[in-house]
């Protein structure tokens, strides 16, 4: 079985949140395709970022490094903006646990939970 084609896209700013959807395998060869949508959200002067990994089938260290750099940019600013993740995929969640990333970046099971956490 072939993996789903990779796609990363940023939605419109809504309720102070930039949603970024990731589909397929996020790895060394596809991570550059996530950089554009991430940069679009990060360059804005407003809004937190939700990276939706519910359709992400696999993620490697390159994908995680990209996410961590985005999170660090928001944390180092004084805007109060933040980044959260959502994922139901067992492989993705397991890697988040093993790496300890979930101790720094909030990870939610569903998109609705993540949005609720960001919008209060």
C-alpha atoms as a PDB file:
ATOM      1  CA  UNK A   1       0.000   0.000   0.000  1.00  0.00           C
ATOM      2  CA  UNK A   2       1.348   3.421  -0.975  1.00  0.00           C
ATOM      3  CA  UNK A   3       1.199   6.326   1.471  1.00  0.00           C
ATOM      4  CA  UNK A   4      -1.257   9.125   0.843  1.00  0.00           C
ATOM      5  CA  UNK A   5       0.216  12.022  -1.153  1.00  0.00           C
ATOM      6  CA  UNK A   6       1.634  14.659   1.168  1.00  0.00           C
ATOM      7  CA  UNK A   7      -0.249  17.892   1.599  1.00  0.00           C
ATOM      8  CA  UNK A   8       0.129  20.769   4.050  1.00  0.00           C
ATOM      9  CA  UNK A   9      -2.142  23.771   3.950  1.00  0.00           C
ATOM     10  CA  UNK A  10      -2.996  26.680   6.184  1.00  0.00           C
ATOM     11  CA  UNK A  11      -6.605  27.692   6.666  1.00  0.00           C
ATOM     12  CA  UNK A  12      -7.972  31.162   7.282  1.00  0.00           C
ATOM     13  CA  UNK A  13      -7.405  32.828  10.648  1.00  0.00           C
ATOM     14  CA  UNK A  14     -10.500  32.017  12.668  1.00  0.00           C
ATOM     15  CA  UNK A  15     -11.131  32.867  16.325  1.00  0.00           C
ATOM     16  CA  UNK A  16      -7.460  33.800  16.652  1.00  0.00           C
ATOM     17  CA  UNK A  17      -6.156  30.462  15.361  1.00  0.00           C
ATOM     18  CA  UNK A  18      -4.250  29.545  12.195  1.00  0.00           C
ATOM     19  CA  UNK A  19      -5.159  25.912  11.429  1.00  0.00           C
ATOM     20  CA  UNK A  20      -2.556  23.966   9.457  1.00  0.00           C
ATOM     21  CA  UNK A  21      -3.599  20.552   8.160  1.00  0.00           C
ATOM     22  CA  UNK A  22      -1.008  17.882   7.379  1.00  0.00           C
ATOM     23  CA  UNK A  23      -1.860  14.798   5.330  1.00  0.00           C
ATOM     24  CA  UNK A  24       0.424  11.910   4.399  1.00  0.00           C
ATOM     25  CA  UNK A  25       3.971  11.253   5.592  1.00  0.00           C
ATOM     26  CA  UNK A  26       5.909  14.150   7.122  1.00  0.00           C
ATOM     27  CA  UNK A  27       9.568  13.306   6.633  1.00  0.00           C
ATOM     28  CA  UNK A  28      12.820  14.570   5.150  1.00  0.00           C
ATOM     29  CA  UNK A  29      11.421  14.683   1.630  1.00  0.00           C
ATOM     30  CA  UNK A  30       8.100  16.380   2.482  1.00  0.00           C
ATOM     31  CA  UNK A  31       8.995  18.700   5.401  1.00  0.00           C
ATOM     32  CA  UNK A  32       9.867  21.575   3.027  1.00  0.00           C
ATOM     33  CA  UNK A  33       6.222  21.536   1.863  1.00  0.00           C
ATOM     34  CA  UNK A  34       5.113  22.295   5.417  1.00  0.00           C
ATOM     35  CA  UNK A  35       7.510  25.238   5.744  1.00  0.00           C
ATOM     36  CA  UNK A  36       5.433  27.544   3.520  1.00  0.00           C
ATOM     37  CA  UNK A  37       2.136  27.156   5.407  1.00  0.00           C
ATOM     38  CA  UNK A  38       3.960  27.375   8.740  1.00  0.00           C
ATOM     39  CA  UNK A  39       5.804  30.504   7.701  1.00  0.00           C
ATOM     40  CA  UNK A  40       2.552  32.098   6.536  1.00  0.00           C
ATOM     41  CA  UNK A  41       1.021  31.593   9.989  1.00  0.00           C
ATOM     42  CA  UNK A  42       4.169  32.591  11.875  1.00  0.00           C
ATOM     43  CA  UNK A  43       4.729  35.806   9.922  1.00  0.00           C
ATOM     44  CA  UNK A  44       1.295  37.072  10.890  1.00  0.00           C
ATOM     45  CA  UNK A  45       1.191  39.443  13.840  1.00  0.00           C
ATOM     46  CA  UNK A  46      -1.739  37.613  15.368  1.00  0.00           C
ATOM     47  CA  UNK A  47      -3.132  34.190  16.054  1.00  0.00           C
ATOM     48  CA  UNK A  48      -1.910  30.994  17.603  1.00  0.00           C
ATOM     49  CA  UNK A  49      -1.119  27.953  15.465  1.00  0.00           C
ATOM     50  CA  UNK A  50      -2.860  24.582  15.416  1.00  0.00           C
ATOM     51  CA  UNK A  51      -1.036  21.864  13.497  1.00  0.00           C
ATOM     52  CA  UNK A  52      -3.591  19.181  12.725  1.00  0.00           C
ATOM     53  CA  UNK A  53      -1.801  15.844  12.349  1.00  0.00           C
ATOM     54  CA  UNK A  54      -4.963  13.696  12.347  1.00  0.00           C
ATOM     55  CA  UNK A  55      -4.333  12.697   8.720  1.00  0.00           C
ATOM     56  CA  UNK A  56      -0.559  12.473   9.117  1.00  0.00           C
ATOM     57  CA  UNK A  57       0.419   8.823   8.690  1.00  0.00           C
ATOM     58  CA  UNK A  58       4.067   9.082   9.728  1.00  0.00           C
ATOM     59  CA  UNK A  59       6.447  11.690  11.095  1.00  0.00           C
ATOM     60  CA  UNK A  60      10.214  11.588  11.428  1.00  0.00           C
ATOM     61  CA  UNK A  61      12.770  13.755  13.204  1.00  0.00           C
ATOM     62  CA  UNK A  62      12.841  16.268  10.351  1.00  0.00           C
ATOM     63  CA  UNK A  63       9.112  16.899  10.752  1.00  0.00           C
ATOM     64  CA  UNK A  64       9.432  17.196  14.511  1.00  0.00           C
ATOM     65  CA  UNK A  65      12.362  19.596  14.199  1.00  0.00           C
ATOM     66  CA  UNK A  66      10.295  21.849  11.936  1.00  0.00           C
ATOM     67  CA  UNK A  67       7.422  21.859  14.439  1.00  0.00           C
ATOM     68  CA  UNK A  68       9.767  22.534  17.368  1.00  0.00           C
ATOM     69  CA  UNK A  69      11.390  25.491  15.575  1.00  0.00           C
ATOM     70  CA  UNK A  70       7.943  26.985  14.902  1.00  0.00           C
ATOM     71  CA  UNK A  71       6.939  26.482  18.540  1.00  0.00           C
ATOM     72  CA  UNK A  72      10.194  28.095  19.720  1.00  0.00           C
ATOM     73  CA  UNK A  73       9.621  31.145  17.513  1.00  0.00           C
ATOM     74  CA  UNK A  74       6.242  31.707  19.113  1.00  0.00           C
ATOM     75  CA  UNK A  75       7.552  31.040  22.631  1.00  0.00           C
ATOM     76  CA  UNK A  76      10.424  33.492  22.171  1.00  0.00           C
ATOM     77  CA  UNK A  77       8.085  36.266  21.094  1.00  0.00           C
ATOM     78  CA  UNK A  78       6.116  38.421  23.498  1.00  0.00           C
ATOM     79  CA  UNK A  79       2.814  38.197  21.644  1.00  0.00           C
ATOM     80  CA  UNK A  80       1.264  35.473  23.795  1.00  0.00           C
ATOM     81  CA  UNK A  81       0.845  33.302  20.708  1.00  0.00           C
ATOM     82  CA  UNK A  82       1.332  29.563  21.045  1.00  0.00           C
ATOM     83  CA  UNK A  83       1.334  26.348  19.055  1.00  0.00           C
ATOM     84  CA  UNK A  84      -0.599  23.154  19.734  1.00  0.00           C
ATOM     85  CA  UNK A  85      -0.917  19.833  17.936  1.00  0.00           C
ATOM     86  CA  UNK A  86      -3.710  17.361  17.468  1.00  0.00           C
ATOM     87  CA  UNK A  87      -3.360  13.747  16.397  1.00  0.00           C
ATOM     88  CA  UNK A  88      -5.209  10.468  16.727  1.00  0.00           C
ATOM     89  CA  UNK A  89      -2.588   8.421  14.879  1.00  0.00           C
ATOM     90  CA  UNK A  90      -0.941   5.917  17.239  1.00  0.00           C
ATOM     91  CA  UNK A  91       2.454   6.072  15.491  1.00  0.00           C
ATOM     92  CA  UNK A  92       2.581   9.849  15.576  1.00  0.00           C
ATOM     93  CA  UNK A  93       1.442  10.021  19.204  1.00  0.00           C
ATOM     94  CA  UNK A  94       3.936   7.340  20.220  1.00  0.00           C
ATOM     95  CA  UNK A  95       6.817   9.308  18.714  1.00  0.00           C
ATOM     96  CA  UNK A  96       5.572  12.443  20.480  1.00  0.00           C
ATOM     97  CA  UNK A  97       5.646  10.521  23.763  1.00  0.00           C
ATOM     98  CA  UNK A  98       9.064   8.927  23.179  1.00  0.00           C
ATOM     99  CA  UNK A  99      10.681  12.229  22.242  1.00  0.00           C
ATOM    100  CA  UNK A 100       9.092  14.047  25.172  1.00  0.00           C
ATOM    101  CA  UNK A 101       7.745  16.673  22.795  1.00  0.00           C
ATOM    102  CA  UNK A 102       4.303  16.429  24.346  1.00  0.00           C
ATOM    103  CA  UNK A 103       5.787  17.736  27.604  1.00  0.00           C
ATOM    104  CA  UNK A 104       6.473  21.081  25.914  1.00  0.00           C
ATOM    105  CA  UNK A 105       3.935  21.349  23.114  1.00  0.00           C
ATOM    106  CA  UNK A 106       0.326  20.564  24.044  1.00  0.00           C
ATOM    107  CA  UNK A 107      -1.045  17.593  22.086  1.00  0.00           C
ATOM    108  CA  UNK A 108      -4.776  17.000  21.822  1.00  0.00           C
ATOM    109  CA  UNK A 109      -6.645  14.022  20.444  1.00  0.00           C
ATOM    110  CA  UNK A 110      -9.064  15.978  18.269  1.00  0.00           C
ATOM    111  CA  UNK A 111      -9.091  19.246  16.391  1.00  0.00           C
ATOM    112  CA  UNK A 112     -12.073  20.428  18.451  1.00  0.00           C
ATOM    113  CA  UNK A 113     -10.175  19.817  21.705  1.00  0.00           C
ATOM    114  CA  UNK A 114      -7.162  21.715  20.393  1.00  0.00           C
ATOM    115  CA  UNK A 115      -9.309  24.638  19.223  1.00  0.00           C
ATOM    116  CA  UNK A 116     -11.074  24.740  22.589  1.00  0.00           C
ATOM    117  CA  UNK A 117      -7.715  24.854  24.373  1.00  0.00           C
ATOM    118  CA  UNK A 118      -6.576  27.768  22.215  1.00  0.00           C
ATOM    119  CA  UNK A 119      -9.776  29.786  22.289  1.00  0.00           C
ATOM    120  CA  UNK A 120     -10.725  29.121  25.902  1.00  0.00           C
END
